[in-house]
Structures are given as C-alpha cells and as structure tokens.
C-alpha cells in the first residue's frame, strides 16, 4: 500500500486535533474567556468482543482500518499525546495573552478619561502592539501544531508500511484494502487484519518518546 494512501486515511483523524477553533478569534476583539471546548473526538474504535474470525485459508485479499490502528496502537497513542500536549500548551498561552489584552482594554475604557494625553496615547499604543502580537502568536501556534501533526503522521506511516508488507508477505496477500475509504461494501470478518496490525505495531518496537 502506498504511503500517501495511508496518510490520506489518517488526515481526517489528525484534523480533529487542529487548533483552528482555538485560535479563530481575531486579535483585538477579545471577549471574556470561557474554557475551550475539548477537541471533537472520532468515534471510539469498536473492537470485536469475541476472538477475531480466522483468516480464510488461501485468501489473497484482506483489509484493515488505519485510523483504528492509529488510535489503538501504542505508537499512535503516543503520537496523539504529543499533538494534544502542544495544543494544550498553546491554548494556555493564548488565554494568558488574551486576558492581558482584555485587562488593558478595560483599563482604557474605565480610566481613559482621567489619563493625560500622553498616558492615554501610550496605553492605546500598548494595546495595539498586544493585538498584533496576539494575532502573530495565534498564526505561529497554528502553523506549529499543523507541522507537528504532519510530522507524527509521516512517522507513523513509515513505521506502519513495513508491518503491512510483512503481514501481507506472510499471508500471501495480493491486495490489502483500506476499510476507512469508500469502496469496500462488504467483506468476510476473517479478512479484517486490523487487530493483527495493531498487535504487530505494538510488538515491533517501543513507542517513540516525545521530543523535548
């Protein structure tokens, strides 16, 4: 299976971790802070309650779900944790910067009439700088999170592809379908290699430690 095909399947899963909604508020239009909503999570992977059906002898085709592999494997969970940790860090810093801007705006509105011209002009200048800095921070944070998303996705695909090659070779598979993509209307349960791929991923090596 081509790396780009698996990456395309993982892309929607990574999108749910995007900080776009976190930093969507325009700088300079600060509102009272409310706790950020938790990122929408994809439906939990439903693994079979009973032992998986045996792989049909002589079968030359099979399928697996890369999104479930990503969510269920130790490597995938570690990767998601890295993205979530960075997102939370940027959310916290964004809230701190936004609060400082709100305080400055409240000061200007509440005591602007008693300030002399020089003090008022300086406060307005400080607020304008905070607005610009906040907007730049949001843009940089968004780019940093997206870069990490792409990095962990690419790293996961690099580790996944050899596992798929090995399983396909061991079972003599000619075609391995991606169950998360349209086109697979029905298949025998025994052809689902998702649990086996998760097990192979976890057994290949320890999950990558988060980068400092």
Protein backbone atom coordinates (compact mmCIF):
# COMPACT_ATOMS: atom_id res chain seq x y z
CA UNK A 1 0.00 0.00 0.00
CA UNK A 2 1.36 3.39 -0.93
CA UNK A 3 2.36 5.67 1.95
CA UNK A 4 0.28 8.53 0.62
CA UNK A 5 -2.82 6.35 0.59
CA UNK A 6 -2.45 5.53 4.28
CA UNK A 7 -1.60 9.14 5.07
CA UNK A 8 -4.78 10.26 3.35
CA UNK A 9 -6.76 7.95 5.62
CA UNK A 10 -5.12 9.39 8.72
CA UNK A 11 -5.62 13.01 7.66
CA UNK A 12 -9.25 13.29 8.88
CA UNK A 13 -8.20 11.87 12.25
CA UNK A 14 -5.45 14.48 12.58
CA UNK A 15 -7.82 17.29 11.61
CA UNK A 16 -9.86 16.77 14.77
CA UNK A 17 -6.79 17.86 16.71
CA UNK A 18 -6.45 21.09 14.79
CA UNK A 19 -6.26 24.28 16.85
CA UNK A 20 -8.15 26.30 14.25
CA UNK A 21 -11.16 26.74 16.52
CA UNK A 22 -8.91 27.58 19.46
CA UNK A 23 -7.21 30.48 17.71
CA UNK A 24 -10.04 31.55 15.39
CA UNK A 25 -10.92 34.64 17.42
CA UNK A 26 -9.43 37.72 15.80
CA UNK A 27 -6.86 39.65 17.79
CA UNK A 28 -8.14 42.91 19.17
CA UNK A 29 -11.69 41.61 19.55
CA UNK A 30 -11.16 39.93 22.87
CA UNK A 31 -14.13 38.61 24.74
CA UNK A 32 -14.42 37.14 28.24
CA UNK A 33 -12.65 33.82 28.30
CA UNK A 34 -14.58 30.59 28.51
CA UNK A 35 -12.92 27.21 28.91
CA UNK A 36 -12.01 25.91 25.43
CA UNK A 37 -14.19 23.09 24.27
CA UNK A 38 -12.46 19.75 24.08
CA UNK A 39 -11.50 18.82 20.51
CA UNK A 40 -14.09 16.66 18.84
CA UNK A 41 -13.04 13.06 19.03
CA UNK A 42 -13.68 10.46 16.36
CA UNK A 43 -15.98 7.59 17.28
CA UNK A 44 -14.29 5.13 19.58
CA UNK A 45 -12.94 2.10 17.86
CA UNK A 46 -15.28 -0.83 18.42
CA UNK A 47 -13.21 -3.96 18.66
CA UNK A 48 -14.93 -7.36 18.44
CA UNK A 49 -15.98 -8.78 21.80
CA UNK A 50 -15.24 -12.29 20.60
CA UNK A 51 -11.94 -13.57 19.22
CA UNK A 52 -11.41 -12.44 15.61
CA UNK A 53 -12.57 -14.82 12.93
CA UNK A 54 -9.71 -16.86 11.46
CA UNK A 55 -8.16 -15.64 8.25
CA UNK A 56 -9.64 -17.71 5.39
CA UNK A 57 -7.14 -20.20 4.05
CA UNK A 58 -5.91 -19.28 0.59
CA UNK A 59 -7.41 -15.77 0.65
CA UNK A 60 -5.48 -13.31 -1.48
CA UNK A 61 -7.24 -10.12 -0.37
CA UNK A 62 -7.77 -8.54 3.04
CA UNK A 63 -8.49 -5.19 4.63
CA UNK A 64 -7.59 -3.11 7.68
CA UNK A 65 -8.54 0.26 9.16
CA UNK A 66 -5.51 2.56 9.55
CA UNK A 67 -7.46 5.02 11.71
CA UNK A 68 -8.23 2.30 14.26
CA UNK A 69 -4.61 1.17 14.15
CA UNK A 70 -3.51 4.74 14.85
CA UNK A 71 -5.97 5.15 17.74
CA UNK A 72 -5.34 1.72 19.27
CA UNK A 73 -1.59 1.15 18.92
CA UNK A 74 0.91 2.39 21.48
CA UNK A 75 2.76 4.31 18.77
CA UNK A 76 -0.41 6.08 17.63
CA UNK A 77 -1.49 6.94 21.17
CA UNK A 78 1.94 8.41 21.89
CA UNK A 79 1.74 10.49 18.71
CA UNK A 80 -1.73 11.79 19.59
CA UNK A 81 -0.45 12.64 23.05
CA UNK A 82 2.32 14.79 21.59
CA UNK A 83 -0.14 16.77 19.48
CA UNK A 84 -2.60 17.18 22.33
CA UNK A 85 0.14 18.34 24.72
CA UNK A 86 1.35 21.00 22.30
CA UNK A 87 -2.23 22.12 21.61
CA UNK A 88 -2.94 22.48 25.33
CA UNK A 89 0.26 24.45 25.82
CA UNK A 90 -0.68 26.89 23.05
CA UNK A 91 -4.25 27.16 24.37
CA UNK A 92 -2.96 28.15 27.79
CA UNK A 93 -0.55 30.75 26.42
CA UNK A 94 -3.25 32.11 24.12
CA UNK A 95 -5.62 32.53 27.10
CA UNK A 96 -2.92 34.35 29.09
CA UNK A 97 -2.17 36.76 26.25
CA UNK A 98 -5.86 37.33 25.59
CA UNK A 99 -6.50 38.09 29.28
CA UNK A 100 -3.70 40.66 29.31
CA UNK A 101 -5.24 42.33 26.26
CA UNK A 102 -8.68 42.37 27.88
CA UNK A 103 -7.23 43.96 31.02
CA UNK A 104 -5.53 46.68 29.01
CA UNK A 105 -8.72 47.40 27.08
CA UNK A 106 -10.73 47.55 30.31
CA UNK A 107 -8.21 49.97 31.78
CA UNK A 108 -8.50 52.22 28.74
CA UNK A 109 -12.29 52.16 28.87
CA UNK A 110 -12.53 52.61 32.64
CA UNK A 111 -9.91 55.25 33.29
CA UNK A 112 -9.17 56.68 29.89
CA UNK A 113 -10.98 59.93 30.71
CA UNK A 114 -8.71 60.65 33.69
CA UNK A 115 -5.48 59.90 31.85
CA UNK A 116 -3.49 62.71 30.37
CA UNK A 117 -2.98 62.73 26.64
CA UNK A 118 0.48 61.20 26.81
CA UNK A 119 -0.58 58.35 29.10
CA UNK A 120 -3.68 57.63 27.05
CA UNK A 121 -1.67 57.60 23.81
CA UNK A 122 0.87 55.21 25.34
CA UNK A 123 -1.85 52.86 26.56
CA UNK A 124 -3.50 52.84 23.14
CA UNK A 125 -0.12 52.09 21.59
CA UNK A 126 0.45 49.22 24.04
CA UNK A 127 -2.96 47.74 23.23
CA UNK A 128 -2.30 47.95 19.50
CA UNK A 129 1.02 46.13 19.99
CA UNK A 130 -0.67 43.43 22.09
CA UNK A 131 -3.26 42.93 19.36
CA UNK A 132 -0.58 42.47 16.72
CA UNK A 133 1.46 40.17 18.96
CA UNK A 134 -1.60 38.06 19.78
CA UNK A 135 -2.52 37.65 16.14
CA UNK A 136 1.04 36.69 15.24
CA UNK A 137 1.16 34.22 18.14
CA UNK A 138 -2.06 32.55 17.00
CA UNK A 139 -0.79 32.20 13.45
CA UNK A 140 2.56 30.80 14.60
CA UNK A 141 0.90 28.41 17.04
CA UNK A 142 -1.46 27.11 14.37
CA UNK A 143 1.45 26.52 12.00
CA UNK A 144 3.48 24.76 14.71
CA UNK A 145 0.61 22.42 15.59
CA UNK A 146 -0.04 21.58 11.94
CA UNK A 147 3.66 20.91 11.41
CA UNK A 148 3.70 18.50 14.35
CA UNK A 149 0.54 16.80 13.06
CA UNK A 150 2.23 16.22 9.72
CA UNK A 151 5.41 15.01 11.41
CA UNK A 152 3.73 12.41 13.61
CA UNK A 153 1.54 11.27 10.72
CA UNK A 154 4.54 10.75 8.46
CA UNK A 155 6.49 8.98 11.21
CA UNK A 156 3.57 6.64 11.88
CA UNK A 157 3.17 5.76 8.20
CA UNK A 158 6.91 4.98 7.98
CA UNK A 159 6.54 2.51 10.85
CA UNK A 160 3.26 1.09 9.56
CA UNK A 161 4.30 0.28 6.00
CA UNK A 162 6.92 -2.38 6.89
CA UNK A 163 4.38 -4.04 9.19
CA UNK A 164 1.85 -4.20 6.35
CA UNK A 165 4.49 -5.56 3.97
CA UNK A 166 5.44 -8.29 6.44
CA UNK A 167 1.87 -9.38 7.18
CA UNK A 168 0.94 -9.37 3.50
CA UNK A 169 4.00 -11.44 2.66
CA UNK A 170 3.36 -13.94 5.45
CA UNK A 171 -0.24 -14.46 4.38
CA UNK A 172 0.38 -14.35 0.64
CA UNK A 173 -1.95 -11.37 0.20
CA UNK A 174 -2.11 -9.70 -3.21
CA UNK A 175 -4.43 -6.84 -2.27
CA UNK A 176 -4.88 -5.06 1.06
CA UNK A 177 -7.82 -2.65 1.18
CA UNK A 178 -8.24 0.41 3.38
CA UNK A 179 -11.56 -0.04 5.22
CA UNK A 180 -11.76 3.66 6.12
CA UNK A 181 -12.06 4.64 2.46
CA UNK A 182 -15.19 4.35 0.27
CA UNK A 183 -15.49 1.31 -1.95
CA UNK A 184 -15.43 -1.61 0.48
CA UNK A 185 -19.12 -2.53 0.74
CA UNK A 186 -18.71 -5.92 2.44
CA UNK A 187 -16.05 -8.42 3.34
CA UNK A 188 -15.86 -11.56 5.42
CA UNK A 189 -14.91 -10.75 9.04
CA UNK A 190 -11.89 -13.03 8.87
CA UNK A 191 -10.34 -10.78 6.23
CA UNK A 192 -10.08 -7.90 8.74
CA UNK A 193 -6.42 -7.67 9.71
CA UNK A 194 -6.81 -4.55 11.88
CA UNK A 195 -6.27 -6.34 15.24
CA UNK A 196 -3.27 -8.17 13.82
CA UNK A 197 -1.75 -4.94 12.52
CA UNK A 198 -2.22 -3.26 15.93
CA UNK A 199 -0.56 -6.23 17.64
CA UNK A 200 2.31 -6.20 15.14
CA UNK A 201 2.79 -2.44 15.57
CA UNK A 202 2.97 -2.78 19.35
CA UNK A 203 5.34 -5.72 19.09
CA UNK A 204 7.71 -4.15 16.58
CA UNK A 205 9.32 -1.66 18.97
CA UNK A 206 8.55 0.60 21.91
CA UNK A 207 6.66 3.78 21.12
CA UNK A 208 8.76 6.80 20.25
CA UNK A 209 9.42 9.05 23.23
CA UNK A 210 8.02 12.57 22.88
CA UNK A 211 10.58 15.07 21.63
CA UNK A 212 11.57 17.76 24.08
